[in-house]
Amino acid sequence: MSSIELDTLGEVAKPVGVSEFLRGLAAAVPVQIGFVPFALVLGAQAAQKGLSPAEVPLMTGLNFGGGSEFAAIDLWTSPPHIALIVAITFLINSRHLLMGAALAPFLSAMPKRKVLPALFFMCDESWAMGLADARARSSFSMAYFLGAGIALWACWMVFTAVGAAIGPMIGDVEAYGFDMAFPAVFLVLLRGMWTGLRAARPWLVSLVTAALVYLFVPGAWYVAASALSGLVSSYLLAKQP
């Protein structure tokens, strides 16, 4: 694995070896543990909708976004409403536009032929890990990001397939409380990015907006509303002294 480490201005600083990739793999282990029960839930739900253990990892591998995959499974019918599923998937994954924008200052000096394939492995967790690591070390390590992202991607595919295989045998896996694992992982990631109440105000605006839209508006519009409110509040609050 060859990679390039960038400083905060996006300038090439020094080559790094496989150690950064391995550091990403190691850092992803606790998050992988949190992935497992949630992947089992998704795989079991997909099996209940008629998807095979081979089709499930194909879906989760090509569309590495757990939230949109749960929505797609929930909307899955026979035959499936492809246009509706694609639209909802795009809506839920639209948050990646903002996540990519947050990484852009660190990636601007890299060629797009390297950046774009690497961003395929960007999910909420790998993005948070890469950004938190960049802020802590004052430099962005693409190898670390890839190590974490590929580890999470592989774990997600494997255990969604396992969930599809064993789900029909163990029944309703949500009854075991497995679905609480993902929120727990997000709370841990947020703790690592916490810099104080002042900086967290857009998070609060986004959270309240998402909750209100979820309660009063059908569909997945709460995802877009949350992202947009967070973006607007960040812009407005950043202007305050």
Protein backbone atom coordinates (compact mmCIF):
# COMPACT_ATOMS: atom_id res chain seq x y z
CA MET A 1 0.00 0.00 0.00
CA SER A 2 1.54 3.26 -1.08
CA SER A 3 0.12 6.54 0.09
CA ILE A 4 0.86 10.19 0.63
CA GLU A 5 0.51 12.11 3.84
CA LEU A 6 -0.71 15.71 3.59
CA ASP A 7 -0.32 18.65 5.90
CA THR A 8 -3.22 20.95 6.83
CA LEU A 9 -2.72 23.03 3.70
CA GLY A 10 -2.98 19.99 1.48
CA GLU A 11 0.68 20.06 0.49
CA VAL A 12 2.63 16.87 0.00
CA ALA A 13 4.75 16.47 3.12
CA LYS A 14 6.31 13.02 3.10
CA PRO A 15 5.70 9.49 1.89
CA VAL A 16 4.42 7.01 4.42
CA GLY A 17 4.53 3.26 4.42
CA VAL A 18 2.23 0.50 5.36
CA SER A 19 2.44 1.47 9.03
CA GLU A 20 -0.22 4.15 8.53
CA PHE A 21 -2.50 1.67 6.77
CA LEU A 22 -2.03 -0.81 9.62
CA ARG A 23 -2.71 1.97 12.12
CA GLY A 24 -6.04 2.56 10.39
CA LEU A 25 -6.83 -1.16 10.48
CA ALA A 26 -6.12 -1.29 14.22
CA ALA A 27 -8.12 1.86 14.96
CA ALA A 28 -11.13 0.40 13.16
CA VAL A 29 -11.35 -2.70 15.37
CA PRO A 30 -13.57 -1.17 18.10
CA VAL A 31 -15.88 0.27 15.45
CA GLN A 32 -15.99 -3.09 13.66
CA ILE A 33 -17.24 -4.67 16.88
CA GLY A 34 -20.06 -2.15 16.87
CA PHE A 35 -20.76 -2.91 13.21
CA VAL A 36 -21.32 -6.63 13.73
CA PRO A 37 -24.70 -6.68 15.49
CA PHE A 38 -26.12 -3.96 13.26
CA ALA A 39 -24.92 -5.77 10.13
CA LEU A 40 -26.60 -8.93 11.38
CA VAL A 41 -29.86 -7.03 11.79
CA LEU A 42 -29.66 -5.63 8.24
CA GLY A 43 -28.78 -9.01 6.76
CA ALA A 44 -31.64 -10.71 8.60
CA GLN A 45 -34.11 -8.06 7.45
CA ALA A 46 -32.89 -8.40 3.86
CA ALA A 47 -33.35 -12.17 4.03
CA GLN A 48 -36.91 -11.67 5.23
CA LYS A 49 -37.52 -9.61 2.06
CA GLY A 50 -36.25 -12.47 -0.10
CA LEU A 51 -32.62 -11.41 -0.74
CA SER A 52 -30.07 -14.23 -0.70
CA PRO A 53 -26.80 -14.33 1.32
CA ALA A 54 -25.00 -13.61 -1.98
CA GLU A 55 -27.18 -10.63 -2.97
CA VAL A 56 -26.95 -8.88 0.41
CA PRO A 57 -23.16 -8.30 0.44
CA LEU A 58 -23.39 -7.23 -3.20
CA MET A 59 -25.78 -4.47 -2.12
CA THR A 60 -23.84 -3.48 1.00
CA GLY A 61 -20.53 -3.57 -0.86
CA LEU A 62 -21.63 -1.37 -3.75
CA ASN A 63 -23.56 1.10 -1.58
CA PHE A 64 -21.49 1.56 1.57
CA GLY A 65 -24.09 3.49 3.58
CA GLY A 66 -25.98 1.70 6.33
CA GLY A 67 -28.81 4.19 6.69
CA SER A 68 -29.74 4.10 3.01
CA GLU A 69 -29.49 0.30 2.99
CA PHE A 70 -31.96 -0.03 5.84
CA ALA A 71 -34.31 2.33 4.00
CA ALA A 72 -33.91 0.35 0.75
CA ILE A 73 -34.72 -2.92 2.53
CA ASP A 74 -37.70 -1.33 4.21
CA LEU A 75 -39.02 -0.19 0.81
CA TRP A 76 -38.16 -3.45 -0.96
CA THR A 77 -41.10 -5.13 -2.68
CA SER A 78 -41.44 -7.76 -5.40
CA PRO A 79 -41.01 -6.37 -7.99
CA PRO A 80 -39.06 -3.48 -6.36
CA HIS A 81 -39.90 0.19 -7.02
CA ILE A 82 -36.45 1.01 -8.33
CA ALA A 83 -36.99 4.74 -8.87
CA LEU A 84 -38.30 5.22 -5.31
CA ILE A 85 -35.45 3.24 -3.76
CA VAL A 86 -32.85 5.15 -5.80
CA ALA A 87 -34.38 8.50 -4.83
CA ILE A 88 -34.48 7.67 -1.12
CA THR A 89 -30.95 6.28 -1.24
CA PHE A 90 -29.71 9.48 -2.87
CA LEU A 91 -31.56 11.59 -0.32
CA ILE A 92 -30.13 9.76 2.67
CA ASN A 93 -26.61 9.62 1.21
CA SER A 94 -26.70 13.33 0.38
CA ARG A 95 -24.99 13.95 3.73
CA HIS A 96 -21.83 12.64 2.05
CA LEU A 97 -21.69 15.91 0.09
CA LEU A 98 -21.15 17.80 3.34
CA MET A 99 -18.77 15.17 4.68
CA GLY A 100 -16.70 15.40 1.50
CA ALA A 101 -16.66 19.18 1.74
CA ALA A 102 -15.22 18.93 5.26
CA LEU A 103 -12.37 16.78 3.94
CA ALA A 104 -11.77 18.89 0.84
CA PRO A 105 -9.15 21.24 2.39
CA PHE A 106 -7.03 18.22 3.28
CA LEU A 107 -7.38 16.58 -0.13
CA SER A 108 -7.11 19.54 -2.50
CA ALA A 109 -3.48 18.89 -3.42
CA MET A 110 -3.99 15.23 -4.26
CA PRO A 111 -4.84 14.06 -7.78
CA LYS A 112 -8.47 13.12 -8.24
CA ARG A 113 -7.49 9.71 -9.61
CA LYS A 114 -6.35 8.90 -6.06
CA VAL A 115 -8.92 10.84 -4.08
CA LEU A 116 -12.09 9.65 -5.80
CA PRO A 117 -11.45 5.89 -5.45
CA ALA A 118 -10.43 6.41 -1.82
CA LEU A 119 -13.67 8.26 -1.05
CA PHE A 120 -15.62 5.14 -2.05
CA PHE A 121 -14.72 3.86 1.43
CA MET A 122 -16.06 6.96 3.17
CA CYS A 123 -18.90 6.19 5.57
CA ASP A 124 -19.89 8.15 8.65
CA GLU A 125 -17.42 6.26 10.82
CA SER A 126 -14.39 6.29 8.50
CA TRP A 127 -15.01 9.97 7.77
CA ALA A 128 -15.16 10.80 11.49
CA MET A 129 -12.05 8.75 12.21
CA GLY A 130 -10.08 10.33 9.36
CA LEU A 131 -11.11 13.87 10.25
CA ALA A 132 -10.49 13.42 13.98
CA ASP A 133 -7.08 11.91 13.28
CA ALA A 134 -6.20 14.77 10.93
CA ARG A 135 -7.14 17.37 13.54
CA ALA A 136 -5.26 15.55 16.31
CA ARG A 137 -2.07 15.13 14.25
CA SER A 138 -2.41 18.33 12.19
CA SER A 139 -2.11 16.24 9.04
CA PHE A 140 -4.37 13.97 7.03
CA SER A 141 -3.15 10.44 6.41
CA MET A 142 -4.76 8.87 3.36
CA ALA A 143 -3.26 5.50 4.29
CA TYR A 144 -4.83 5.66 7.74
CA PHE A 145 -8.17 6.63 6.19
CA LEU A 146 -8.00 3.75 3.72
CA GLY A 147 -6.98 1.27 6.41
CA ALA A 148 -9.98 2.21 8.54
CA GLY A 149 -12.39 2.48 5.60
CA ILE A 150 -11.47 -0.83 3.97
CA ALA A 151 -11.61 -2.64 7.33
CA LEU A 152 -15.10 -1.29 8.01
CA TRP A 153 -16.27 -1.97 4.45
CA ALA A 154 -15.12 -5.61 4.59
CA CYS A 155 -16.62 -6.14 8.04
CA TRP A 156 -19.94 -4.68 6.92
CA MET A 157 -20.16 -6.90 3.84
CA VAL A 158 -19.15 -10.09 5.66
CA PHE A 159 -21.55 -9.74 8.57
CA THR A 160 -24.51 -8.58 6.51
CA ALA A 161 -24.03 -11.81 4.53
CA VAL A 162 -23.85 -13.77 7.79
CA GLY A 163 -27.01 -12.05 8.96
CA ALA A 164 -28.77 -13.03 5.75
CA ALA A 165 -27.62 -16.62 6.21
CA ILE A 166 -28.55 -17.10 9.88
CA GLY A 167 -31.37 -14.56 10.20
CA PRO A 168 -34.13 -16.95 9.13
CA MET A 169 -32.94 -19.42 11.80
CA ILE A 170 -32.87 -17.03 14.77
CA GLY A 171 -35.99 -15.00 13.97
CA ASP A 172 -36.37 -11.34 14.94
CA VAL A 173 -32.81 -10.23 15.76
CA GLU A 174 -34.00 -6.77 16.81
CA ALA A 175 -35.60 -8.41 19.84
CA TYR A 176 -32.06 -8.98 21.17
CA GLY A 177 -31.34 -5.24 21.16
CA PHE A 178 -28.65 -5.47 18.46
CA ASP A 179 -29.89 -2.28 16.81
CA MET A 180 -28.58 -0.23 19.75
CA ALA A 181 -24.99 -0.93 18.73
CA PHE A 182 -24.90 1.66 15.93
CA PRO A 183 -26.06 4.63 18.05
CA ALA A 184 -23.46 3.60 20.63
CA VAL A 185 -20.73 3.71 17.98
CA PHE A 186 -21.84 7.16 16.86
CA LEU A 187 -21.76 8.47 20.44
CA VAL A 188 -18.18 7.25 20.82
CA LEU A 189 -17.19 8.95 17.54
CA LEU A 190 -18.87 12.19 18.60
CA ARG A 191 -16.96 12.07 21.88
CA GLY A 192 -13.71 11.96 19.94
CA MET A 193 -14.70 15.03 17.89
CA TRP A 194 -16.02 17.05 20.86
CA THR A 195 -14.35 20.45 21.23
CA GLY A 196 -16.86 22.21 23.50
CA LEU A 197 -20.45 23.41 23.76
CA ARG A 198 -19.94 26.41 21.50
CA ALA A 199 -18.73 24.31 18.59
CA ALA A 200 -21.54 21.81 19.19
CA ARG A 201 -24.37 24.28 18.67
CA PRO A 202 -24.91 23.29 14.99
CA TRP A 203 -25.12 19.67 16.15
CA LEU A 204 -27.96 20.63 18.49
CA VAL A 205 -29.78 22.54 15.74
CA SER A 206 -29.39 19.59 13.39
CA LEU A 207 -30.57 17.12 16.04
CA VAL A 208 -33.70 19.09 16.95
CA THR A 209 -34.54 19.66 13.27
CA ALA A 210 -34.16 15.97 12.46
CA ALA A 211 -36.37 14.98 15.39
CA LEU A 212 -39.14 17.43 14.47
CA VAL A 213 -39.14 16.54 10.77
CA TYR A 214 -39.07 12.83 11.62
CA LEU A 215 -42.14 13.25 13.85
CA PHE A 216 -44.22 15.37 11.50
CA VAL A 217 -43.06 14.66 7.91
CA PRO A 218 -43.35 11.19 6.32
CA GLY A 219 -40.39 9.63 4.56
CA ALA A 220 -36.67 10.27 4.94
CA TRP A 221 -36.81 14.05 4.63
CA TYR A 222 -35.46 14.38 8.17
CA VAL A 223 -32.02 13.41 6.82
CA ALA A 224 -31.88 16.26 4.29
CA ALA A 225 -33.49 18.71 6.74
CA SER A 226 -30.96 17.82 9.41
CA ALA A 227 -28.01 18.24 7.05
CA LEU A 228 -29.29 21.55 5.67
CA SER A 229 -30.09 23.02 9.11
CA GLY A 230 -26.67 21.99 10.38
CA LEU A 231 -24.99 23.62 7.39
CA VAL A 232 -26.96 26.88 7.70
CA SER A 233 -26.52 27.10 11.47
CA SER A 234 -22.78 26.45 11.13
CA TYR A 235 -22.50 29.31 8.62
CA LEU A 236 -24.56 31.73 10.73
CA LEU A 237 -22.99 30.84 14.09
CA ALA A 238 -19.48 31.05 12.65
CA LYS A 239 -20.08 34.77 12.01
CA GLN A 240 -20.82 35.46 15.67
CA PRO A 241 -17.90 36.85 17.72
